[in-house]
Amino acid sequence: QVQLVESGGGLVQAGGSLRLSCAASGRTFSDYAMGWFRQAPGKERERVAAISWGGGTTYYADSVKGRFTISRDNAKNTVYLQMNSLKPEDTAVYYCAASSDSRGAYTNQYDYWGQGTQVTVSS
C-alpha cells in the first residue's frame, strides 16, 4: 500500500502561483511514477501532469503546458506541482496518484490516490 497526502491548495487570484505537495508513505516511492489529476464540478477528471520514477520523463496536459511544472524528491518521498499564471479554469480539486505501470509518465493507470486538495482561482 502507498498512502498519499496532498497539501498546498488554497485560494489565489488569477495570475498567481501555488505549489502543491504530495507526501507518500508505505512502499518504495521511487518504484512509482507519479501523477497529478484534477476534477472540477461537473467535469471529468483530467490528468494534468506526470513524472517517471527517476524524474527524467514528464508529461503535461496541453491546458497547463508552460505554466505548471511537476517534480519529485525521492529522498523526501514527495512530488510537487508548481502552478504559475493560474487561471479561473484551473479551479478544481487536485489529486496526486501513484502508478507501478511500466509506461511510467505516460501511463493512465494509477494504483493509489490521495484525498485531494482544493485549488480555487478567482478572477
N, C-alpha and C. Protein backbone atom coordinates (compact mmCIF):
# COMPACT_ATOMS: atom_id res chain seq x y z
N GLN A 1 0.83 -1.19 0.00
CA GLN A 1 0.00 0.00 0.00
C GLN A 1 0.86 1.24 0.00
N VAL A 2 0.38 2.25 -0.67
CA VAL A 2 1.01 3.57 -0.67
C VAL A 2 -0.03 4.57 -0.20
N GLN A 3 0.33 5.36 0.78
CA GLN A 3 -0.55 6.42 1.26
C GLN A 3 -0.04 7.75 0.71
N LEU A 4 -0.97 8.54 0.21
CA LEU A 4 -0.64 9.82 -0.41
C LEU A 4 -1.43 10.93 0.25
N VAL A 5 -0.74 12.00 0.62
CA VAL A 5 -1.39 13.13 1.27
C VAL A 5 -0.99 14.41 0.55
N GLU A 6 -1.98 15.08 -0.03
CA GLU A 6 -1.72 16.34 -0.74
C GLU A 6 -1.83 17.52 0.21
N SER A 7 -1.11 18.57 -0.13
CA SER A 7 -1.21 19.84 0.61
C SER A 7 -0.85 20.97 -0.32
N GLY A 8 -1.14 22.19 0.13
CA GLY A 8 -0.73 23.36 -0.62
C GLY A 8 -1.83 24.04 -1.41
N GLY A 9 -3.02 23.47 -1.41
CA GLY A 9 -4.12 24.11 -2.12
C GLY A 9 -4.58 25.36 -1.40
N GLY A 10 -5.45 26.11 -2.05
CA GLY A 10 -5.97 27.32 -1.44
C GLY A 10 -6.62 28.22 -2.45
N LEU A 11 -6.84 29.45 -2.02
CA LEU A 11 -7.47 30.47 -2.86
C LEU A 11 -6.41 31.44 -3.35
N VAL A 12 -6.39 31.69 -4.65
CA VAL A 12 -5.40 32.58 -5.23
C VAL A 12 -6.07 33.38 -6.34
N GLN A 13 -5.57 34.58 -6.58
CA GLN A 13 -6.10 35.39 -7.67
C GLN A 13 -5.53 34.92 -9.00
N ALA A 14 -6.26 35.19 -10.05
CA ALA A 14 -5.77 34.87 -11.39
C ALA A 14 -4.41 35.51 -11.61
N GLY A 15 -3.52 34.75 -12.22
CA GLY A 15 -2.16 35.21 -12.45
C GLY A 15 -1.19 34.82 -11.34
N GLY A 16 -1.73 34.34 -10.24
CA GLY A 16 -0.90 33.97 -9.10
C GLY A 16 -0.34 32.56 -9.23
N SER A 17 0.33 32.13 -8.16
CA SER A 17 1.00 30.84 -8.15
C SER A 17 0.66 30.07 -6.88
N LEU A 18 0.73 28.76 -7.00
CA LEU A 18 0.63 27.86 -5.86
C LEU A 18 1.56 26.69 -6.11
N ARG A 19 2.04 26.09 -5.03
CA ARG A 19 2.80 24.85 -5.15
C ARG A 19 2.12 23.77 -4.33
N LEU A 20 1.71 22.73 -5.01
CA LEU A 20 1.11 21.59 -4.34
C LEU A 20 2.20 20.57 -4.01
N SER A 21 2.02 19.91 -2.88
CA SER A 21 2.92 18.84 -2.47
C SER A 21 2.11 17.58 -2.23
N CYS A 22 2.74 16.46 -2.45
CA CYS A 22 2.11 15.17 -2.18
C CYS A 22 3.14 14.29 -1.50
N ALA A 23 2.91 14.01 -0.23
CA ALA A 23 3.81 13.19 0.54
C ALA A 23 3.36 11.73 0.51
N ALA A 24 4.29 10.85 0.22
CA ALA A 24 3.97 9.43 0.10
C ALA A 24 4.59 8.65 1.25
N SER A 25 3.91 7.60 1.64
CA SER A 25 4.44 6.68 2.64
C SER A 25 3.98 5.28 2.28
N GLY A 26 4.68 4.32 2.85
CA GLY A 26 4.34 2.94 2.56
C GLY A 26 5.46 2.29 1.79
N ARG A 27 5.19 1.93 0.55
CA ARG A 27 6.18 1.25 -0.26
C ARG A 27 7.22 2.22 -0.82
N THR A 28 8.21 1.69 -1.51
CA THR A 28 9.31 2.49 -2.02
C THR A 28 8.82 3.51 -3.03
N PHE A 29 8.96 4.76 -2.69
CA PHE A 29 8.41 5.85 -3.51
C PHE A 29 8.98 5.82 -4.92
N SER A 30 10.28 5.56 -5.04
CA SER A 30 10.92 5.62 -6.35
C SER A 30 10.52 4.47 -7.27
N ASP A 31 9.72 3.55 -6.78
CA ASP A 31 9.20 2.47 -7.63
C ASP A 31 7.99 2.91 -8.43
N TYR A 32 7.50 4.11 -8.15
CA TYR A 32 6.23 4.55 -8.74
C TYR A 32 6.41 5.81 -9.58
N ALA A 33 5.78 5.79 -10.75
CA ALA A 33 5.55 7.04 -11.45
C ALA A 33 4.45 7.79 -10.71
N MET A 34 4.49 9.09 -10.77
CA MET A 34 3.53 9.90 -10.02
C MET A 34 2.79 10.83 -10.98
N GLY A 35 1.55 11.07 -10.66
CA GLY A 35 0.75 11.96 -11.49
C GLY A 35 -0.07 12.91 -10.66
N TRP A 36 -0.42 14.02 -11.27
CA TRP A 36 -1.38 14.96 -10.70
C TRP A 36 -2.59 15.01 -11.61
N PHE A 37 -3.74 14.93 -10.99
CA PHE A 37 -5.02 14.99 -11.70
C PHE A 37 -5.84 16.12 -11.08
N ARG A 38 -6.86 16.53 -11.80
CA ARG A 38 -7.79 17.49 -11.22
C ARG A 38 -9.20 17.18 -11.70
N GLN A 39 -10.14 17.60 -10.89
CA GLN A 39 -11.55 17.42 -11.25
C GLN A 39 -12.34 18.63 -10.78
N ALA A 40 -12.95 19.29 -11.72
CA ALA A 40 -13.80 20.43 -11.42
C ALA A 40 -15.26 19.95 -11.35
N PRO A 41 -16.11 20.68 -10.64
CA PRO A 41 -17.52 20.26 -10.54
C PRO A 41 -18.17 20.08 -11.90
N GLY A 42 -18.80 18.95 -12.10
CA GLY A 42 -19.50 18.68 -13.34
C GLY A 42 -18.61 18.29 -14.50
N LYS A 43 -17.31 18.14 -14.23
CA LYS A 43 -16.39 17.78 -15.31
C LYS A 43 -15.70 16.46 -15.00
N GLU A 44 -15.17 15.84 -16.04
CA GLU A 44 -14.43 14.60 -15.86
C GLU A 44 -13.05 14.89 -15.27
N ARG A 45 -12.53 13.89 -14.63
CA ARG A 45 -11.18 14.01 -14.09
C ARG A 45 -10.18 14.14 -15.24
N GLU A 46 -9.22 15.01 -15.05
CA GLU A 46 -8.22 15.31 -16.08
C GLU A 46 -6.83 15.04 -15.55
N ARG A 47 -6.04 14.33 -16.32
CA ARG A 47 -4.63 14.15 -15.94
C ARG A 47 -3.87 15.41 -16.32
N VAL A 48 -3.27 16.04 -15.36
CA VAL A 48 -2.63 17.34 -15.54
C VAL A 48 -1.15 17.18 -15.85
N ALA A 49 -0.47 16.34 -15.08
CA ALA A 49 0.97 16.17 -15.24
C ALA A 49 1.37 14.83 -14.64
N ALA A 50 2.51 14.32 -15.11
CA ALA A 50 3.03 13.07 -14.58
C ALA A 50 4.54 13.07 -14.69
N ILE A 51 5.16 12.23 -13.87
CA ILE A 51 6.62 12.17 -13.85
C ILE A 51 7.04 10.73 -13.62
N SER A 52 8.12 10.35 -14.28
CA SER A 52 8.62 8.99 -14.18
C SER A 52 9.30 8.74 -12.84
N TRP A 53 9.70 7.51 -12.62
CA TRP A 53 10.26 7.10 -11.35
C TRP A 53 11.46 7.96 -10.92
N GLY A 54 12.37 8.18 -11.85
CA GLY A 54 13.56 8.94 -11.53
C GLY A 54 13.44 10.43 -11.82
N GLY A 55 12.33 10.82 -12.41
CA GLY A 55 12.11 12.23 -12.71
C GLY A 55 12.59 12.67 -14.08
N GLY A 56 13.12 11.74 -14.87
CA GLY A 56 13.69 12.13 -16.15
C GLY A 56 12.69 12.36 -17.26
N THR A 57 11.48 11.85 -17.08
CA THR A 57 10.44 11.99 -18.10
C THR A 57 9.21 12.62 -17.47
N THR A 58 8.66 13.59 -18.16
CA THR A 58 7.45 14.24 -17.67
C THR A 58 6.40 14.32 -18.77
N TYR A 59 5.16 14.47 -18.32
CA TYR A 59 4.02 14.64 -19.22
C TYR A 59 3.20 15.81 -18.71
N TYR A 60 2.67 16.60 -19.64
CA TYR A 60 1.78 17.69 -19.27
C TYR A 60 0.58 17.71 -20.21
N ALA A 61 -0.57 17.99 -19.66
CA ALA A 61 -1.74 18.25 -20.48
C ALA A 61 -1.52 19.57 -21.22
N ASP A 62 -2.09 19.66 -22.41
CA ASP A 62 -1.94 20.89 -23.20
C ASP A 62 -2.44 22.11 -22.44
N SER A 63 -3.44 21.91 -21.61
CA SER A 63 -4.05 23.04 -20.90
C SER A 63 -3.12 23.68 -19.87
N VAL A 64 -2.05 22.98 -19.49
CA VAL A 64 -1.17 23.51 -18.45
C VAL A 64 0.28 23.65 -18.91
N LYS A 65 0.59 23.25 -20.12
CA LYS A 65 1.96 23.33 -20.60
C LYS A 65 2.47 24.76 -20.54
N GLY A 66 3.69 24.89 -20.05
CA GLY A 66 4.29 26.21 -19.94
C GLY A 66 3.92 26.96 -18.67
N ARG A 67 2.94 26.45 -17.93
CA ARG A 67 2.50 27.11 -16.69
C ARG A 67 2.75 26.25 -15.45
N PHE A 68 2.61 24.94 -15.60
CA PHE A 68 2.77 24.01 -14.47
C PHE A 68 4.06 23.23 -14.64
N THR A 69 4.68 22.90 -13.52
CA THR A 69 5.89 22.07 -13.51
C THR A 69 5.76 20.99 -12.44
N ILE A 70 5.94 19.75 -12.86
CA ILE A 70 5.94 18.65 -11.91
C ILE A 70 7.38 18.28 -11.59
N SER A 71 7.63 17.93 -10.35
CA SER A 71 8.95 17.50 -9.93
C SER A 71 8.80 16.53 -8.77
N ARG A 72 9.86 15.85 -8.44
CA ARG A 72 9.82 14.91 -7.33
C ARG A 72 11.14 14.90 -6.61
N ASP A 73 11.09 14.59 -5.33
CA ASP A 73 12.26 14.43 -4.50
C ASP A 73 12.15 13.05 -3.86
N ASN A 74 12.85 12.09 -4.42
CA ASN A 74 12.71 10.72 -3.93
C ASN A 74 13.28 10.55 -2.51
N ALA A 75 14.22 11.41 -2.14
CA ALA A 75 14.76 11.35 -0.79
C ALA A 75 13.72 11.79 0.24
N LYS A 76 12.78 12.62 -0.19
CA LYS A 76 11.74 13.12 0.71
C LYS A 76 10.39 12.45 0.46
N ASN A 77 10.36 11.52 -0.48
CA ASN A 77 9.11 10.81 -0.81
C ASN A 77 7.99 11.80 -1.15
N THR A 78 8.32 12.79 -1.93
CA THR A 78 7.37 13.86 -2.21
C THR A 78 7.39 14.22 -3.69
N VAL A 79 6.21 14.48 -4.22
CA VAL A 79 6.07 15.01 -5.57
C VAL A 79 5.41 16.37 -5.47
N TYR A 80 5.81 17.26 -6.36
CA TYR A 80 5.33 18.64 -6.32
C TYR A 80 4.66 19.02 -7.64
N LEU A 81 3.79 20.00 -7.55
CA LEU A 81 3.23 20.60 -8.75
C LEU A 81 3.29 22.12 -8.55
N GLN A 82 4.21 22.75 -9.25
CA GLN A 82 4.31 24.20 -9.24
C GLN A 82 3.37 24.76 -10.28
N MET A 83 2.44 25.59 -9.85
CA MET A 83 1.44 26.13 -10.76
C MET A 83 1.59 27.64 -10.82
N ASN A 84 1.92 28.14 -11.99
CA ASN A 84 2.09 29.57 -12.22
C ASN A 84 1.04 30.08 -13.20
N SER A 85 0.88 31.37 -13.23
CA SER A 85 -0.07 32.01 -14.16
C SER A 85 -1.44 31.33 -14.09
N LEU A 86 -1.91 31.16 -12.89
CA LEU A 86 -3.17 30.43 -12.70
C LEU A 86 -4.34 31.19 -13.29
N LYS A 87 -5.29 30.40 -13.79
CA LYS A 87 -6.49 30.93 -14.42
C LYS A 87 -7.72 30.42 -13.67
N PRO A 88 -8.82 31.12 -13.75
CA PRO A 88 -10.04 30.62 -13.10
C PRO A 88 -10.41 29.20 -13.53
N GLU A 89 -10.11 28.85 -14.75
CA GLU A 89 -10.44 27.50 -15.23
C GLU A 89 -9.54 26.41 -14.63
N ASP A 90 -8.53 26.80 -13.87
CA ASP A 90 -7.71 25.83 -13.14
C ASP A 90 -8.37 25.43 -11.82
N THR A 91 -9.45 26.08 -11.47
CA THR A 91 -10.15 25.75 -10.23
C THR A 91 -10.64 24.32 -10.26
N ALA A 92 -10.26 23.55 -9.25
CA ALA A 92 -10.61 22.13 -9.18
C ALA A 92 -10.07 21.54 -7.89
N VAL A 93 -10.46 20.31 -7.64
CA VAL A 93 -9.78 19.52 -6.62
C VAL A 93 -8.63 18.79 -7.31
N TYR A 94 -7.45 18.93 -6.75
CA TYR A 94 -6.26 18.32 -7.32
C TYR A 94 -5.87 17.09 -6.51
N TYR A 95 -5.61 16.01 -7.24
CA TYR A 95 -5.26 14.74 -6.63
C TYR A 95 -3.88 14.30 -7.12
N CYS A 96 -3.11 13.69 -6.24
CA CYS A 96 -1.92 13.01 -6.71
C CYS A 96 -2.20 11.51 -6.71
N ALA A 97 -1.44 10.80 -7.54
CA ALA A 97 -1.64 9.37 -7.69
C ALA A 97 -0.31 8.71 -8.01
N ALA A 98 -0.23 7.44 -7.67
CA ALA A 98 0.99 6.66 -7.87
C ALA A 98 0.69 5.48 -8.79
N SER A 99 1.63 5.22 -9.70
CA SER A 99 1.45 4.14 -10.67
C SER A 99 2.67 3.24 -10.72
N SER A 100 2.42 1.94 -10.75
CA SER A 100 3.50 0.97 -10.92
C SER A 100 3.57 0.48 -12.36
N ASP A 101 2.77 1.08 -13.23
CA ASP A 101 2.73 0.65 -14.63
C ASP A 101 4.04 0.96 -15.34
N SER A 102 4.44 0.05 -16.23
CA SER A 102 5.73 0.18 -16.90
C SER A 102 5.81 1.37 -17.86
N ARG A 103 4.68 1.98 -18.19
CA ARG A 103 4.69 3.12 -19.10
C ARG A 103 5.09 4.41 -18.40
N GLY A 104 5.29 4.33 -17.11
CA GLY A 104 5.83 5.47 -16.37
C GLY A 104 4.99 6.73 -16.51
N ALA A 105 5.60 7.80 -16.93
CA ALA A 105 4.92 9.09 -17.01
C ALA A 105 3.80 9.09 -18.04
N TYR A 106 3.77 8.13 -18.93
CA TYR A 106 2.76 8.10 -19.99
C TYR A 106 1.58 7.19 -19.68
N THR A 107 1.62 6.57 -18.52
CA THR A 107 0.51 5.70 -18.16
C THR A 107 -0.72 6.49 -17.76
N ASN A 108 -1.85 5.84 -17.90
CA ASN A 108 -3.08 6.40 -17.37
C ASN A 108 -3.70 5.42 -16.37
N GLN A 109 -2.88 4.51 -15.89
CA GLN A 109 -3.33 3.52 -14.92
C GLN A 109 -2.62 3.77 -13.60
N TYR A 110 -3.39 4.18 -12.63
CA TYR A 110 -2.83 4.53 -11.33
C TYR A 110 -3.39 3.62 -10.24
N ASP A 111 -2.53 3.28 -9.32
CA ASP A 111 -2.87 2.30 -8.30
C ASP A 111 -3.36 2.93 -7.00
N TYR A 112 -2.81 4.07 -6.66
CA TYR A 112 -3.11 4.70 -5.38
C TYR A 112 -3.41 6.17 -5.59
N TRP A 113 -4.32 6.68 -4.76
CA TRP A 113 -4.78 8.05 -4.89
C TRP A 113 -4.80 8.74 -3.53
N GLY A 114 -4.53 10.04 -3.56
CA GLY A 114 -4.71 10.84 -2.36
C GLY A 114 -6.13 11.33 -2.24
N GLN A 115 -6.39 12.09 -1.19
CA GLN A 115 -7.73 12.58 -0.91
C GLN A 115 -8.05 13.88 -1.64
N GLY A 116 -7.05 14.54 -2.13
CA GLY A 116 -7.28 15.75 -2.89
C GLY A 116 -7.11 17.02 -2.08
N THR A 117 -6.79 18.09 -2.79
CA THR A 117 -6.69 19.42 -2.20
C THR A 117 -7.35 20.42 -3.13
N GLN A 118 -8.13 21.33 -2.55
CA GLN A 118 -8.90 22.27 -3.36
C GLN A 118 -8.03 23.44 -3.80
N VAL A 119 -8.10 23.75 -5.07
CA VAL A 119 -7.48 24.95 -5.63
C VAL A 119 -8.58 25.81 -6.23
N THR A 120 -8.66 27.05 -5.78
CA THR A 120 -9.65 27.98 -6.29
C THR A 120 -8.94 29.23 -6.80
N VAL A 121 -9.20 29.56 -8.04
CA VAL A 121 -8.58 30.73 -8.66
C VAL A 121 -9.68 31.74 -8.94
N SER A 122 -9.56 32.91 -8.32
CA SER A 122 -10.57 33.95 -8.51
C SER A 122 -10.17 34.89 -9.64
N SER A 123 -11.17 35.40 -10.31
CA SER A 123 -10.90 36.29 -11.45
C SER A 123 -10.81 37.74 -11.01
